[in-house]
Amino acid sequence: MKKISKIAVIIVSVSLIAGYFLPVWEITLEAPQYPEGLGMNIWINKITGDLQTINGLNHYIGMKFIEPDSIKELTIMPFILGGLIALGLIAGITGKRKLLTIFVVVFIVLGIAGAVDFYMWEYDYGHNLREDAAIKIPGMTYQPPLIGTKELLNFVATSWPAAGGWIIITGGFVSVLVLMYEVRYNKKLKTDAKT
């Protein structure tokens, strides 16, 4: 790899450490009775925010309580992110294009797996409602959006990456660009060598 690519991969890898100190995702709920809104910040190892109030509201419509201690992803995500950081640092320090390719592929696969897993988690909480719920509306489900905004009864639910999530997503895009640059640069070298 070229020196600029090595530096970029090392910077990306180091920037991923932000995932340990900043929330990765945020979900907010707005309604007339909560003009200041309710929020939930999802970190790689915990959930913070107005969780108690949200759980109280969810109880009336039959949703399960959101219990961070029972979400296995919150226990394994710190190790997954740590492994990704280590792989990126090794790729950047050694300058091996093969390791860069593995780093980018793993990054993309983890991103897709994380999005699918989060969607399934939201689906379960929004669709598997208790039969004894105080408020039941036939055909109504309460799955918040994976990304974007959605109306749920008189609430507007919004789901977006938080600061840590944006840093990780940006790191993924930069890594892909570095790999594309390296592949293109390598092809140019081979073409120049033939002429």
C-alpha atoms as a PDB file:
ATOM      1  CA  MET A   1       0.000   0.000   0.000  1.00  0.00           C
ATOM      2  CA  LYS A   2       1.052   3.579  -0.549  1.00  0.00           C
ATOM      3  CA  LYS A   3       2.036   5.611   2.500  1.00  0.00           C
ATOM      4  CA  ILE A   4      -1.075   7.810   2.265  1.00  0.00           C
ATOM      5  CA  SER A   5      -3.265   4.689   2.296  1.00  0.00           C
ATOM      6  CA  LYS A   6      -1.469   3.293   5.341  1.00  0.00           C
ATOM      7  CA  ILE A   7      -1.943   6.549   7.227  1.00  0.00           C
ATOM      8  CA  ALA A   8      -5.619   6.744   6.228  1.00  0.00           C
ATOM      9  CA  VAL A   9      -6.301   3.181   7.441  1.00  0.00           C
ATOM     10  CA  ILE A  10      -4.521   3.837  10.737  1.00  0.00           C
ATOM     11  CA  ILE A  11      -6.505   7.071  11.243  1.00  0.00           C
ATOM     12  CA  VAL A  12      -9.768   5.250  10.470  1.00  0.00           C
ATOM     13  CA  SER A  13      -8.888   2.481  12.916  1.00  0.00           C
ATOM     14  CA  VAL A  14      -7.997   4.905  15.697  1.00  0.00           C
ATOM     15  CA  SER A  15     -11.156   6.947  15.051  1.00  0.00           C
ATOM     16  CA  LEU A  16     -13.272   3.819  15.663  1.00  0.00           C
ATOM     17  CA  ILE A  17     -12.237   4.041  19.331  1.00  0.00           C
ATOM     18  CA  ALA A  18     -14.870   6.809  19.532  1.00  0.00           C
ATOM     19  CA  GLY A  19     -17.422   3.997  19.496  1.00  0.00           C
ATOM     20  CA  TYR A  20     -16.455   3.225  23.102  1.00  0.00           C
ATOM     21  CA  PHE A  21     -17.076   6.776  24.292  1.00  0.00           C
ATOM     22  CA  LEU A  22     -19.990   8.042  22.193  1.00  0.00           C
ATOM     23  CA  PRO A  23     -23.471   6.653  21.548  1.00  0.00           C
ATOM     24  CA  VAL A  24     -23.781   4.823  18.243  1.00  0.00           C
ATOM     25  CA  TRP A  25     -27.505   5.214  17.609  1.00  0.00           C
ATOM     26  CA  GLU A  26     -30.352   7.353  18.927  1.00  0.00           C
ATOM     27  CA  ILE A  27     -34.095   6.935  18.886  1.00  0.00           C
ATOM     28  CA  THR A  28     -36.351   9.821  19.866  1.00  0.00           C
ATOM     29  CA  LEU A  29     -40.089   9.924  20.481  1.00  0.00           C
ATOM     30  CA  GLU A  30     -42.121  13.127  20.259  1.00  0.00           C
ATOM     31  CA  ALA A  31     -45.773  13.541  21.213  1.00  0.00           C
ATOM     32  CA  PRO A  32     -48.057  16.338  22.448  1.00  0.00           C
ATOM     33  CA  GLN A  33     -47.836  15.025  26.022  1.00  0.00           C
ATOM     34  CA  TYR A  34     -44.019  14.965  25.779  1.00  0.00           C
ATOM     35  CA  PRO A  35     -43.166  18.236  23.993  1.00  0.00           C
ATOM     36  CA  GLU A  36     -39.533  17.980  25.111  1.00  0.00           C
ATOM     37  CA  GLY A  37     -39.413  14.484  23.611  1.00  0.00           C
ATOM     38  CA  LEU A  38     -38.138  11.187  24.940  1.00  0.00           C
ATOM     39  CA  GLY A  39     -34.860   9.730  23.871  1.00  0.00           C
ATOM     40  CA  MET A  40     -32.877   6.532  23.937  1.00  0.00           C
ATOM     41  CA  ASN A  41     -29.157   6.404  23.160  1.00  0.00           C
ATOM     42  CA  ILE A  42     -27.716   3.066  22.127  1.00  0.00           C
ATOM     43  CA  TRP A  43     -24.016   2.574  22.874  1.00  0.00           C
ATOM     44  CA  ILE A  44     -21.959  -0.482  21.988  1.00  0.00           C
ATOM     45  CA  ASN A  45     -22.382  -1.773  25.555  1.00  0.00           C
ATOM     46  CA  LYS A  46     -25.408  -0.014  27.089  1.00  0.00           C
ATOM     47  CA  ILE A  47     -28.611   1.922  26.506  1.00  0.00           C
ATOM     48  CA  THR A  48     -29.165   5.289  28.173  1.00  0.00           C
ATOM     49  CA  GLY A  49     -31.817   7.981  28.147  1.00  0.00           C
ATOM     50  CA  ASP A  50     -35.494   7.971  29.082  1.00  0.00           C
ATOM     51  CA  LEU A  51     -35.628   4.181  29.185  1.00  0.00           C
ATOM     52  CA  GLN A  52     -37.813   3.951  32.281  1.00  0.00           C
ATOM     53  CA  THR A  53     -40.465   6.274  30.816  1.00  0.00           C
ATOM     54  CA  ILE A  54     -40.335   4.535  27.423  1.00  0.00           C
ATOM     55  CA  ASN A  55     -40.734   1.131  29.103  1.00  0.00           C
ATOM     56  CA  GLY A  56     -43.708   2.486  31.053  1.00  0.00           C
ATOM     57  CA  LEU A  57     -45.415   3.684  27.872  1.00  0.00           C
ATOM     58  CA  ASN A  58     -44.582   0.464  26.037  1.00  0.00           C
ATOM     59  CA  HIS A  59     -46.207  -1.540  28.841  1.00  0.00           C
ATOM     60  CA  TYR A  60     -49.643  -0.093  27.970  1.00  0.00           C
ATOM     61  CA  ILE A  61     -49.451  -1.232  24.345  1.00  0.00           C
ATOM     62  CA  GLY A  62     -48.059  -4.681  25.189  1.00  0.00           C
ATOM     63  CA  MET A  63     -44.424  -4.228  24.187  1.00  0.00           C
ATOM     64  CA  LYS A  64     -41.728  -6.045  26.102  1.00  0.00           C
ATOM     65  CA  PHE A  65     -39.570  -4.032  28.462  1.00  0.00           C
ATOM     66  CA  ILE A  66     -36.260  -2.963  26.951  1.00  0.00           C
ATOM     67  CA  GLU A  67     -33.740  -4.510  29.326  1.00  0.00           C
ATOM     68  CA  PRO A  68     -30.149  -3.730  28.310  1.00  0.00           C
ATOM     69  CA  ASP A  69     -28.751  -6.546  30.460  1.00  0.00           C
ATOM     70  CA  SER A  70     -30.700  -9.106  28.402  1.00  0.00           C
ATOM     71  CA  ILE A  71     -29.448  -7.836  25.015  1.00  0.00           C
ATOM     72  CA  LYS A  72     -26.484 -10.087  24.185  1.00  0.00           C
ATOM     73  CA  GLU A  73     -25.222  -7.760  21.447  1.00  0.00           C
ATOM     74  CA  LEU A  74     -24.331  -5.189  24.104  1.00  0.00           C
ATOM     75  CA  THR A  75     -21.922  -7.661  25.695  1.00  0.00           C
ATOM     76  CA  ILE A  76     -20.177  -8.754  22.492  1.00  0.00           C
ATOM     77  CA  MET A  77     -20.056  -5.469  20.535  1.00  0.00           C
ATOM     78  CA  PRO A  78     -17.064  -4.049  22.469  1.00  0.00           C
ATOM     79  CA  PHE A  79     -15.039  -7.133  21.479  1.00  0.00           C
ATOM     80  CA  ILE A  80     -16.181  -7.019  17.850  1.00  0.00           C
ATOM     81  CA  LEU A  81     -15.262  -3.344  17.563  1.00  0.00           C
ATOM     82  CA  GLY A  82     -11.922  -4.035  19.270  1.00  0.00           C
ATOM     83  CA  GLY A  83     -11.179  -6.798  16.756  1.00  0.00           C
ATOM     84  CA  LEU A  84     -12.053  -4.508  13.849  1.00  0.00           C
ATOM     85  CA  ILE A  85      -9.773  -1.775  15.220  1.00  0.00           C
ATOM     86  CA  ALA A  86      -6.913  -4.276  15.655  1.00  0.00           C
ATOM     87  CA  LEU A  87      -7.370  -5.626  12.121  1.00  0.00           C
ATOM     88  CA  GLY A  88      -7.323  -2.102  10.682  1.00  0.00           C
ATOM     89  CA  LEU A  89      -4.199  -1.155  12.622  1.00  0.00           C
ATOM     90  CA  ILE A  90      -2.405  -4.297  11.481  1.00  0.00           C
ATOM     91  CA  ALA A  91      -3.417  -3.623   7.861  1.00  0.00           C
ATOM     92  CA  GLY A  92      -2.259   0.001   8.098  1.00  0.00           C
ATOM     93  CA  ILE A  93       1.041  -0.756   9.841  1.00  0.00           C
ATOM     94  CA  THR A  94       2.026  -3.705   7.618  1.00  0.00           C
ATOM     95  CA  GLY A  95       0.761  -2.060   4.437  1.00  0.00           C
ATOM     96  CA  LYS A  96      -0.469  -5.375   3.050  1.00  0.00           C
ATOM     97  CA  ARG A  97      -3.207  -4.872   0.492  1.00  0.00           C
ATOM     98  CA  LYS A  98      -4.658  -8.314   1.258  1.00  0.00           C
ATOM     99  CA  LEU A  99      -5.170  -7.301   4.907  1.00  0.00           C
ATOM    100  CA  LEU A 100      -6.737  -4.037   3.775  1.00  0.00           C
ATOM    101  CA  THR A 101      -9.177  -6.030   1.625  1.00  0.00           C
ATOM    102  CA  ILE A 102     -10.032  -8.304   4.568  1.00  0.00           C
ATOM    103  CA  PHE A 103     -10.482  -5.246   6.814  1.00  0.00           C
ATOM    104  CA  VAL A 104     -12.888  -3.602   4.353  1.00  0.00           C
ATOM    105  CA  VAL A 105     -14.873  -6.799   3.746  1.00  0.00           C
ATOM    106  CA  VAL A 106     -15.169  -7.467   7.486  1.00  0.00           C
ATOM    107  CA  PHE A 107     -16.176  -3.816   8.054  1.00  0.00           C
ATOM    108  CA  ILE A 108     -18.946  -4.072   5.424  1.00  0.00           C
ATOM    109  CA  VAL A 109     -20.167  -7.468   6.648  1.00  0.00           C
ATOM    110  CA  LEU A 110     -20.310  -6.239  10.253  1.00  0.00           C
ATOM    111  CA  GLY A 111     -22.185  -3.114   9.153  1.00  0.00           C
ATOM    112  CA  ILE A 112     -24.782  -5.131   7.254  1.00  0.00           C
ATOM    113  CA  ALA A 113     -25.073  -7.712  10.063  1.00  0.00           C
ATOM    114  CA  GLY A 114     -25.477  -4.924  12.623  1.00  0.00           C
ATOM    115  CA  ALA A 115     -28.238  -3.234  10.611  1.00  0.00           C
ATOM    116  CA  VAL A 116     -30.100  -6.524  10.081  1.00  0.00           C
ATOM    117  CA  ASP A 117     -29.756  -7.478  13.748  1.00  0.00           C
ATOM    118  CA  PHE A 118     -31.006  -4.060  14.879  1.00  0.00           C
ATOM    119  CA  TYR A 119     -33.955  -4.281  12.471  1.00  0.00           C
ATOM    120  CA  MET A 120     -34.859  -7.739  13.821  1.00  0.00           C
ATOM    121  CA  TRP A 121     -34.593  -6.440  17.400  1.00  0.00           C
ATOM    122  CA  GLU A 122     -36.928  -3.537  16.564  1.00  0.00           C
ATOM    123  CA  TYR A 123     -39.287  -5.876  14.719  1.00  0.00           C
ATOM    124  CA  ASP A 124     -39.543  -8.213  17.714  1.00  0.00           C
ATOM    125  CA  TYR A 125     -40.271  -5.355  20.131  1.00  0.00           C
ATOM    126  CA  GLY A 126     -42.792  -3.743  17.810  1.00  0.00           C
ATOM    127  CA  HIS A 127     -44.706  -6.831  16.671  1.00  0.00           C
ATOM    128  CA  ASN A 128     -44.646  -9.408  19.477  1.00  0.00           C
ATOM    129  CA  LEU A 129     -47.146  -7.722  21.772  1.00  0.00           C
ATOM    130  CA  ARG A 130     -48.670  -9.164  24.934  1.00  0.00           C
ATOM    131  CA  GLU A 131     -52.293 -10.258  24.667  1.00  0.00           C
ATOM    132  CA  ASP A 132     -53.182  -8.632  28.006  1.00  0.00           C
ATOM    133  CA  ALA A 133     -52.108  -5.111  26.912  1.00  0.00           C
ATOM    134  CA  ALA A 134     -54.251  -2.250  28.222  1.00  0.00           C
ATOM    135  CA  ILE A 135     -54.392  -0.620  24.774  1.00  0.00           C
ATOM    136  CA  LYS A 136     -54.986  -2.879  21.778  1.00  0.00           C
ATOM    137  CA  ILE A 137     -55.525  -1.608  18.250  1.00  0.00           C
ATOM    138  CA  PRO A 138     -56.149  -4.396  15.719  1.00  0.00           C
ATOM    139  CA  GLY A 139     -53.473  -4.532  13.056  1.00  0.00           C
ATOM    140  CA  MET A 140     -51.295  -1.915  14.769  1.00  0.00           C
ATOM    141  CA  THR A 141     -47.585  -2.591  15.229  1.00  0.00           C
ATOM    142  CA  TYR A 142     -45.101  -0.355  16.989  1.00  0.00           C
ATOM    143  CA  GLN A 143     -41.798  -1.020  15.280  1.00  0.00           C
ATOM    144  CA  PRO A 144     -39.701   2.158  15.186  1.00  0.00           C
ATOM    145  CA  PRO A 145     -37.929   2.904  11.905  1.00  0.00           C
ATOM    146  CA  LEU A 146     -34.461   1.502  11.364  1.00  0.00           C
ATOM    147  CA  ILE A 147     -33.504   4.903  10.034  1.00  0.00           C
ATOM    148  CA  GLY A 148     -35.671   7.974   9.492  1.00  0.00           C
ATOM    149  CA  THR A 149     -39.029   8.989  10.942  1.00  0.00           C
ATOM    150  CA  LYS A 150     -42.311   7.122  11.442  1.00  0.00           C
ATOM    151  CA  GLU A 151     -45.642   7.884  13.115  1.00  0.00           C
ATOM    152  CA  LEU A 152     -46.709   5.450  15.843  1.00  0.00           C
ATOM    153  CA  LEU A 153     -50.123   6.429  17.190  1.00  0.00           C
ATOM    154  CA  ASN A 154     -49.670   9.976  18.489  1.00  0.00           C
ATOM    155  CA  PHE A 155     -45.878   9.603  18.679  1.00  0.00           C
ATOM    156  CA  VAL A 156     -43.346  10.466  16.009  1.00  0.00           C
ATOM    157  CA  ALA A 157     -40.401   8.069  16.281  1.00  0.00           C
ATOM    158  CA  THR A 158     -37.077   9.087  14.783  1.00  0.00           C
ATOM    159  CA  SER A 159     -34.041   6.835  14.455  1.00  0.00           C
ATOM    160  CA  TRP A 160     -30.621   8.034  13.299  1.00  0.00           C
ATOM    161  CA  PRO A 161     -26.956   7.307  13.897  1.00  0.00           C
ATOM    162  CA  ALA A 162     -25.562   9.210  16.885  1.00  0.00           C
ATOM    163  CA  ALA A 163     -22.064  10.759  16.979  1.00  0.00           C
ATOM    164  CA  GLY A 164     -20.265   7.425  17.433  1.00  0.00           C
ATOM    165  CA  GLY A 165     -22.324   5.866  14.653  1.00  0.00           C
ATOM    166  CA  TRP A 166     -21.483   8.655  12.205  1.00  0.00           C
ATOM    167  CA  ILE A 167     -17.782   8.250  12.980  1.00  0.00           C
ATOM    168  CA  ILE A 168     -17.969   4.486  12.382  1.00  0.00           C
ATOM    169  CA  ILE A 169     -19.990   4.909   9.158  1.00  0.00           C
ATOM    170  CA  THR A 170     -17.544   7.538   7.892  1.00  0.00           C
ATOM    171  CA  GLY A 171     -14.671   5.204   8.743  1.00  0.00           C
ATOM    172  CA  GLY A 172     -16.301   2.484   6.671  1.00  0.00           C
ATOM    173  CA  PHE A 173     -16.700   4.761   3.646  1.00  0.00           C
ATOM    174  CA  VAL A 174     -13.111   6.021   3.917  1.00  0.00           C
ATOM    175  CA  SER A 175     -11.847   2.430   4.127  1.00  0.00           C
ATOM    176  CA  VAL A 176     -13.734   1.496   0.954  1.00  0.00           C
ATOM    177  CA  LEU A 177     -12.307   4.562  -0.831  1.00  0.00           C
ATOM    178  CA  VAL A 178      -8.776   3.649   0.272  1.00  0.00           C
ATOM    179  CA  LEU A 179      -9.212   0.106  -1.059  1.00  0.00           C
ATOM    180  CA  MET A 180     -10.602   1.425  -4.368  1.00  0.00           C
ATOM    181  CA  TYR A 181      -7.640   3.806  -4.628  1.00  0.00           C
ATOM    182  CA  GLU A 182      -5.186   0.981  -3.945  1.00  0.00           C
ATOM    183  CA  VAL A 183      -6.809  -1.334  -6.508  1.00  0.00           C
ATOM    184  CA  ARG A 184      -6.792   1.426  -9.126  1.00  0.00           C
ATOM    185  CA  TYR A 185      -3.192   2.405  -8.302  1.00  0.00           C
ATOM    186  CA  ASN A 186      -2.103  -1.246  -8.537  1.00  0.00           C
ATOM    187  CA  LYS A 187      -3.793  -1.637 -11.946  1.00  0.00           C
ATOM    188  CA  LYS A 188      -2.056   1.521 -13.164  1.00  0.00           C
ATOM    189  CA  LEU A 189       1.315   0.131 -12.051  1.00  0.00           C
ATOM    190  CA  LYS A 190       0.679  -3.123 -13.925  1.00  0.00           C
ATOM    191  CA  THR A 191      -0.439  -1.228 -17.051  1.00  0.00           C
ATOM    192  CA  ASP A 192       2.636   1.041 -16.909  1.00  0.00           C
ATOM    193  CA  ALA A 193       4.885  -1.995 -16.461  1.00  0.00           C
ATOM    194  CA  LYS A 194       3.535  -3.581 -19.659  1.00  0.00           C
ATOM    195  CA  THR A 195       4.202  -0.452 -21.759  1.00  0.00           C
END
